[in-house]
């Protein structure tokens, strides 16, 4: 019994060490960046200025929950709006249809919409989605991306819009519940 117990403990410890090593190897791809700073308010300049050095890339995602509307059929749905500024993800890539729509939605008044949401409302790329006061052309459907939790996506599917159009939506006001994420890519060899 003692031998079996020791073997079981060794197996569990070995599994734990291997799992930790695998997560460390894949952390950049899972996160899409070297470092993430998140808060429920914009980060102060005293923090962000630490990253204003050559070789460090930054992207920002502003997250909040809001209703969206599909003008073609009048459907509405609670969704997680993510306004993106920058070249996130720095590591790995999103899966979208059309294949490059995860990159091309960033220019112009375009949105990238969760695949399940598009199926639910019979929407296709080229249709439109209204977020607050702005109607966006749907550039593509998001199939998967770094940093997304599966269960959260089923409650409030994700809609990505360019940060440049966030103020125009009129949805961020005093009292709005907003989360800010700052993603950083450090130069090779940096101690994050």
C-alpha atoms as a PDB file:
ATOM      1  CA  UNK A   1       0.000   0.000   0.000  1.00  0.00           C
ATOM      2  CA  UNK A   2       2.893   2.360   0.811  1.00  0.00           C
ATOM      3  CA  UNK A   3       4.492   1.640  -2.583  1.00  0.00           C
ATOM      4  CA  UNK A   4       1.207   2.344  -4.397  1.00  0.00           C
ATOM      5  CA  UNK A   5       0.761   5.575  -2.416  1.00  0.00           C
ATOM      6  CA  UNK A   6       4.270   6.780  -3.240  1.00  0.00           C
ATOM      7  CA  UNK A   7       3.731   5.901  -6.927  1.00  0.00           C
ATOM      8  CA  UNK A   8       0.458   7.865  -6.945  1.00  0.00           C
ATOM      9  CA  UNK A   9       2.085  10.923  -5.337  1.00  0.00           C
ATOM     10  CA  UNK A  10       4.969  10.773  -7.815  1.00  0.00           C
ATOM     11  CA  UNK A  11       2.550  10.522 -10.746  1.00  0.00           C
ATOM     12  CA  UNK A  12       0.490  13.502  -9.524  1.00  0.00           C
ATOM     13  CA  UNK A  13       3.611  15.607  -8.916  1.00  0.00           C
ATOM     14  CA  UNK A  14       4.992  14.691 -12.362  1.00  0.00           C
ATOM     15  CA  UNK A  15       1.668  15.618 -14.006  1.00  0.00           C
ATOM     16  CA  UNK A  16       1.639  18.955 -12.167  1.00  0.00           C
ATOM     17  CA  UNK A  17       5.208  19.802 -13.229  1.00  0.00           C
ATOM     18  CA  UNK A  18       4.503  18.850 -16.870  1.00  0.00           C
ATOM     19  CA  UNK A  19       1.262  20.853 -16.925  1.00  0.00           C
ATOM     20  CA  UNK A  20       2.976  23.936 -15.478  1.00  0.00           C
ATOM     21  CA  UNK A  21       5.783  23.662 -18.058  1.00  0.00           C
ATOM     22  CA  UNK A  22       3.247  23.324 -20.906  1.00  0.00           C
ATOM     23  CA  UNK A  23       1.288  26.362 -19.726  1.00  0.00           C
ATOM     24  CA  UNK A  24       4.504  28.393 -19.440  1.00  0.00           C
ATOM     25  CA  UNK A  25       5.410  27.435 -23.026  1.00  0.00           C
ATOM     26  CA  UNK A  26       1.962  28.332 -24.365  1.00  0.00           C
ATOM     27  CA  UNK A  27       1.210  31.363 -22.162  1.00  0.00           C
ATOM     28  CA  UNK A  28       2.065  33.932 -24.844  1.00  0.00           C
ATOM     29  CA  UNK A  29      -0.209  32.269 -27.364  1.00  0.00           C
ATOM     30  CA  UNK A  30      -3.029  31.808 -24.835  1.00  0.00           C
ATOM     31  CA  UNK A  31      -2.828  35.465 -23.756  1.00  0.00           C
ATOM     32  CA  UNK A  32      -1.827  36.852 -27.152  1.00  0.00           C
ATOM     33  CA  UNK A  33       0.815  39.055 -25.494  1.00  0.00           C
ATOM     34  CA  UNK A  34       3.747  39.017 -23.079  1.00  0.00           C
ATOM     35  CA  UNK A  35       1.935  41.057 -20.450  1.00  0.00           C
ATOM     36  CA  UNK A  36      -1.629  42.114 -19.657  1.00  0.00           C
ATOM     37  CA  UNK A  37      -2.647  44.945 -17.346  1.00  0.00           C
ATOM     38  CA  UNK A  38      -6.373  45.078 -16.615  1.00  0.00           C
ATOM     39  CA  UNK A  39      -8.491  47.489 -14.579  1.00  0.00           C
ATOM     40  CA  UNK A  40     -11.981  48.936 -14.277  1.00  0.00           C
ATOM     41  CA  UNK A  41     -10.661  52.405 -15.118  1.00  0.00           C
ATOM     42  CA  UNK A  42      -8.112  53.701 -17.584  1.00  0.00           C
ATOM     43  CA  UNK A  43      -4.545  53.092 -16.509  1.00  0.00           C
ATOM     44  CA  UNK A  44      -2.806  56.214 -15.223  1.00  0.00           C
ATOM     45  CA  UNK A  45       0.065  57.717 -17.192  1.00  0.00           C
ATOM     46  CA  UNK A  46       2.397  56.848 -14.304  1.00  0.00           C
ATOM     47  CA  UNK A  47       1.949  53.171 -15.214  1.00  0.00           C
ATOM     48  CA  UNK A  48       1.686  53.427 -18.999  1.00  0.00           C
ATOM     49  CA  UNK A  49       4.754  55.693 -19.244  1.00  0.00           C
ATOM     50  CA  UNK A  50       6.876  52.794 -17.969  1.00  0.00           C
ATOM     51  CA  UNK A  51       6.145  51.036 -21.258  1.00  0.00           C
ATOM     52  CA  UNK A  52       6.908  53.994 -23.553  1.00  0.00           C
ATOM     53  CA  UNK A  53      10.285  52.630 -24.567  1.00  0.00           C
ATOM     54  CA  UNK A  54      11.563  51.539 -27.974  1.00  0.00           C
ATOM     55  CA  UNK A  55      10.729  47.961 -28.852  1.00  0.00           C
ATOM     56  CA  UNK A  56       7.601  47.649 -26.687  1.00  0.00           C
ATOM     57  CA  UNK A  57       4.318  47.351 -28.586  1.00  0.00           C
ATOM     58  CA  UNK A  58       0.985  48.123 -26.947  1.00  0.00           C
ATOM     59  CA  UNK A  59      -2.640  47.357 -27.744  1.00  0.00           C
ATOM     60  CA  UNK A  60      -5.751  48.303 -25.791  1.00  0.00           C
ATOM     61  CA  UNK A  61      -9.130  46.617 -25.530  1.00  0.00           C
ATOM     62  CA  UNK A  62     -12.068  48.398 -23.912  1.00  0.00           C
ATOM     63  CA  UNK A  63     -14.734  45.898 -22.753  1.00  0.00           C
ATOM     64  CA  UNK A  64     -18.348  46.431 -21.765  1.00  0.00           C
ATOM     65  CA  UNK A  65     -21.702  44.729 -22.122  1.00  0.00           C
ATOM     66  CA  UNK A  66     -24.449  46.273 -24.238  1.00  0.00           C
ATOM     67  CA  UNK A  67     -27.356  45.388 -26.451  1.00  0.00           C
ATOM     68  CA  UNK A  68     -26.681  45.137 -30.181  1.00  0.00           C
ATOM     69  CA  UNK A  69     -29.256  45.268 -32.954  1.00  0.00           C
ATOM     70  CA  UNK A  70     -29.391  43.647 -36.370  1.00  0.00           C
ATOM     71  CA  UNK A  71     -31.174  46.128 -38.684  1.00  0.00           C
ATOM     72  CA  UNK A  72     -31.888  43.488 -41.360  1.00  0.00           C
ATOM     73  CA  UNK A  73     -34.193  41.458 -39.108  1.00  0.00           C
ATOM     74  CA  UNK A  74     -34.759  43.671 -36.040  1.00  0.00           C
ATOM     75  CA  UNK A  75     -33.090  41.153 -33.694  1.00  0.00           C
ATOM     76  CA  UNK A  76     -31.413  42.350 -30.502  1.00  0.00           C
ATOM     77  CA  UNK A  77     -28.971  40.561 -28.211  1.00  0.00           C
ATOM     78  CA  UNK A  78     -26.929  41.279 -25.108  1.00  0.00           C
ATOM     79  CA  UNK A  79     -23.285  41.176 -26.220  1.00  0.00           C
ATOM     80  CA  UNK A  80     -19.772  41.766 -24.964  1.00  0.00           C
ATOM     81  CA  UNK A  81     -18.468  44.754 -26.916  1.00  0.00           C
ATOM     82  CA  UNK A  82     -14.692  44.852 -27.275  1.00  0.00           C
ATOM     83  CA  UNK A  83     -13.235  48.018 -28.798  1.00  0.00           C
ATOM     84  CA  UNK A  84      -9.738  47.256 -30.071  1.00  0.00           C
ATOM     85  CA  UNK A  85      -6.824  49.593 -30.684  1.00  0.00           C
ATOM     86  CA  UNK A  86      -3.480  48.209 -31.849  1.00  0.00           C
ATOM     87  CA  UNK A  87      -2.177  44.983 -33.323  1.00  0.00           C
ATOM     88  CA  UNK A  88      -3.483  42.551 -30.721  1.00  0.00           C
ATOM     89  CA  UNK A  89      -2.858  39.600 -30.665  1.00  0.00           C
ATOM     90  CA  UNK A  90       0.905  39.816 -30.822  1.00  0.00           C
ATOM     91  CA  UNK A  91       1.237  36.024 -30.586  1.00  0.00           C
ATOM     92  CA  UNK A  92      -1.046  33.453 -32.143  1.00  0.00           C
ATOM     93  CA  UNK A  93      -3.934  34.535 -34.281  1.00  0.00           C
ATOM     94  CA  UNK A  94      -7.668  34.566 -34.323  1.00  0.00           C
ATOM     95  CA  UNK A  95      -9.675  32.216 -36.464  1.00  0.00           C
ATOM     96  CA  UNK A  96     -12.274  34.029 -38.514  1.00  0.00           C
ATOM     97  CA  UNK A  97     -14.305  33.673 -41.666  1.00  0.00           C
ATOM     98  CA  UNK A  98     -13.347  35.121 -44.108  1.00  0.00           C
ATOM     99  CA  UNK A  99      -9.868  34.113 -42.994  1.00  0.00           C
ATOM    100  CA  UNK A 100      -8.295  37.586 -42.731  1.00  0.00           C
ATOM    101  CA  UNK A 101     -11.357  39.456 -41.446  1.00  0.00           C
ATOM    102  CA  UNK A 102      -9.789  39.433 -37.948  1.00  0.00           C
ATOM    103  CA  UNK A 103      -7.253  41.894 -39.367  1.00  0.00           C
ATOM    104  CA  UNK A 104      -9.302  43.827 -41.932  1.00  0.00           C
ATOM    105  CA  UNK A 105     -12.166  44.802 -39.572  1.00  0.00           C
ATOM    106  CA  UNK A 106      -9.814  47.276 -37.857  1.00  0.00           C
ATOM    107  CA  UNK A 107     -10.057  49.847 -40.656  1.00  0.00           C
ATOM    108  CA  UNK A 108     -13.305  51.679 -41.259  1.00  0.00           C
ATOM    109  CA  UNK A 109     -16.717  51.232 -39.698  1.00  0.00           C
ATOM    110  CA  UNK A 110     -16.549  47.422 -39.511  1.00  0.00           C
ATOM    111  CA  UNK A 111     -17.201  44.783 -36.856  1.00  0.00           C
ATOM    112  CA  UNK A 112     -16.095  41.224 -36.192  1.00  0.00           C
ATOM    113  CA  UNK A 113     -18.996  39.234 -34.743  1.00  0.00           C
ATOM    114  CA  UNK A 114     -19.044  35.972 -32.785  1.00  0.00           C
ATOM    115  CA  UNK A 115     -19.893  32.972 -34.983  1.00  0.00           C
ATOM    116  CA  UNK A 116     -22.688  31.709 -32.691  1.00  0.00           C
ATOM    117  CA  UNK A 117     -24.356  35.128 -32.668  1.00  0.00           C
ATOM    118  CA  UNK A 118     -24.335  35.238 -36.455  1.00  0.00           C
ATOM    119  CA  UNK A 119     -25.860  31.766 -36.647  1.00  0.00           C
ATOM    120  CA  UNK A 120     -28.531  32.639 -34.081  1.00  0.00           C
ATOM    121  CA  UNK A 121     -29.735  35.657 -36.068  1.00  0.00           C
ATOM    122  CA  UNK A 122     -29.070  34.396 -39.599  1.00  0.00           C
ATOM    123  CA  UNK A 123     -26.520  37.140 -40.259  1.00  0.00           C
ATOM    124  CA  UNK A 124     -23.641  36.936 -42.738  1.00  0.00           C
ATOM    125  CA  UNK A 125     -20.549  39.013 -43.496  1.00  0.00           C
ATOM    126  CA  UNK A 126     -21.674  42.122 -45.371  1.00  0.00           C
ATOM    127  CA  UNK A 127     -24.804  42.546 -43.216  1.00  0.00           C
ATOM    128  CA  UNK A 128     -24.825  45.200 -40.509  1.00  0.00           C
ATOM    129  CA  UNK A 129     -24.907  45.420 -36.724  1.00  0.00           C
ATOM    130  CA  UNK A 130     -25.828  48.451 -34.647  1.00  0.00           C
ATOM    131  CA  UNK A 131     -23.822  49.161 -31.514  1.00  0.00           C
ATOM    132  CA  UNK A 132     -25.218  52.192 -29.732  1.00  0.00           C
ATOM    133  CA  UNK A 133     -25.487  55.076 -32.223  1.00  0.00           C
ATOM    134  CA  UNK A 134     -23.242  53.481 -34.866  1.00  0.00           C
ATOM    135  CA  UNK A 135     -24.091  50.892 -37.510  1.00  0.00           C
ATOM    136  CA  UNK A 136     -21.114  48.752 -38.505  1.00  0.00           C
ATOM    137  CA  UNK A 137     -20.704  46.558 -41.574  1.00  0.00           C
ATOM    138  CA  UNK A 138     -19.996  42.980 -40.470  1.00  0.00           C
ATOM    139  CA  UNK A 139     -16.557  42.198 -41.858  1.00  0.00           C
ATOM    140  CA  UNK A 140     -16.532  38.581 -40.709  1.00  0.00           C
ATOM    141  CA  UNK A 141     -17.349  36.051 -38.049  1.00  0.00           C
ATOM    142  CA  UNK A 142     -15.044  35.291 -35.145  1.00  0.00           C
ATOM    143  CA  UNK A 143     -14.511  31.562 -34.645  1.00  0.00           C
ATOM    144  CA  UNK A 144     -11.874  31.707 -31.874  1.00  0.00           C
ATOM    145  CA  UNK A 145      -9.429  34.131 -30.275  1.00  0.00           C
ATOM    146  CA  UNK A 146      -6.857  34.262 -27.459  1.00  0.00           C
ATOM    147  CA  UNK A 147      -8.116  35.168 -24.006  1.00  0.00           C
ATOM    148  CA  UNK A 148     -11.771  34.260 -24.516  1.00  0.00           C
ATOM    149  CA  UNK A 149     -13.604  32.097 -21.998  1.00  0.00           C
ATOM    150  CA  UNK A 150     -16.122  29.738 -23.598  1.00  0.00           C
ATOM    151  CA  UNK A 151     -18.886  30.079 -20.994  1.00  0.00           C
ATOM    152  CA  UNK A 152     -18.744  33.888 -21.011  1.00  0.00           C
ATOM    153  CA  UNK A 153     -19.163  33.877 -24.793  1.00  0.00           C
ATOM    154  CA  UNK A 154     -22.385  31.891 -24.541  1.00  0.00           C
ATOM    155  CA  UNK A 155     -23.924  34.402 -22.107  1.00  0.00           C
ATOM    156  CA  UNK A 156     -22.796  37.530 -23.975  1.00  0.00           C
ATOM    157  CA  UNK A 157     -21.245  36.774 -27.391  1.00  0.00           C
ATOM    158  CA  UNK A 158     -18.341  38.977 -28.429  1.00  0.00           C
ATOM    159  CA  UNK A 159     -18.535  41.805 -30.965  1.00  0.00           C
ATOM    160  CA  UNK A 160     -15.236  43.517 -31.829  1.00  0.00           C
ATOM    161  CA  UNK A 161     -15.226  47.079 -33.127  1.00  0.00           C
ATOM    162  CA  UNK A 162     -12.343  49.484 -33.788  1.00  0.00           C
ATOM    163  CA  UNK A 163     -11.528  51.752 -30.820  1.00  0.00           C
ATOM    164  CA  UNK A 164     -11.740  54.766 -33.136  1.00  0.00           C
ATOM    165  CA  UNK A 165     -15.561  54.398 -33.216  1.00  0.00           C
ATOM    166  CA  UNK A 166     -16.105  53.786 -29.496  1.00  0.00           C
ATOM    167  CA  UNK A 167     -16.946  57.378 -28.538  1.00  0.00           C
ATOM    168  CA  UNK A 168     -19.393  57.645 -31.458  1.00  0.00           C
ATOM    169  CA  UNK A 169     -21.477  54.766 -30.057  1.00  0.00           C
ATOM    170  CA  UNK A 170     -22.459  56.942 -27.089  1.00  0.00           C
ATOM    171  CA  UNK A 171     -22.367  53.910 -24.799  1.00  0.00           C
ATOM    172  CA  UNK A 172     -19.507  54.931 -22.514  1.00  0.00           C
ATOM    173  CA  UNK A 173     -20.936  57.427 -20.044  1.00  0.00           C
ATOM    174  CA  UNK A 174     -20.565  58.298 -16.388  1.00  0.00           C
ATOM    175  CA  UNK A 175     -21.530  55.194 -14.421  1.00  0.00           C
ATOM    176  CA  UNK A 176     -20.893  52.753 -17.295  1.00  0.00           C
ATOM    177  CA  UNK A 177     -19.277  49.505 -16.208  1.00  0.00           C
ATOM    178  CA  UNK A 178     -16.174  49.268 -18.367  1.00  0.00           C
ATOM    179  CA  UNK A 179     -13.032  47.134 -18.162  1.00  0.00           C
ATOM    180  CA  UNK A 180      -9.782  48.218 -19.765  1.00  0.00           C
ATOM    181  CA  UNK A 181      -7.091  45.805 -20.896  1.00  0.00           C
ATOM    182  CA  UNK A 182      -3.610  46.832 -21.995  1.00  0.00           C
ATOM    183  CA  UNK A 183      -1.608  44.181 -23.847  1.00  0.00           C
ATOM    184  CA  UNK A 184       2.160  44.487 -24.286  1.00  0.00           C
ATOM    185  CA  UNK A 185       4.720  42.780 -26.494  1.00  0.00           C
ATOM    186  CA  UNK A 186       8.228  43.095 -25.058  1.00  0.00           C
ATOM    187  CA  UNK A 187      11.509  42.915 -26.970  1.00  0.00           C
ATOM    188  CA  UNK A 188      13.048  39.446 -27.165  1.00  0.00           C
ATOM    189  CA  UNK A 189      15.050  38.602 -24.055  1.00  0.00           C
ATOM    190  CA  UNK A 190      13.123  41.020 -21.806  1.00  0.00           C
ATOM    191  CA  UNK A 191      12.333  39.959 -18.253  1.00  0.00           C
ATOM    192  CA  UNK A 192       8.588  40.581 -18.184  1.00  0.00           C
END
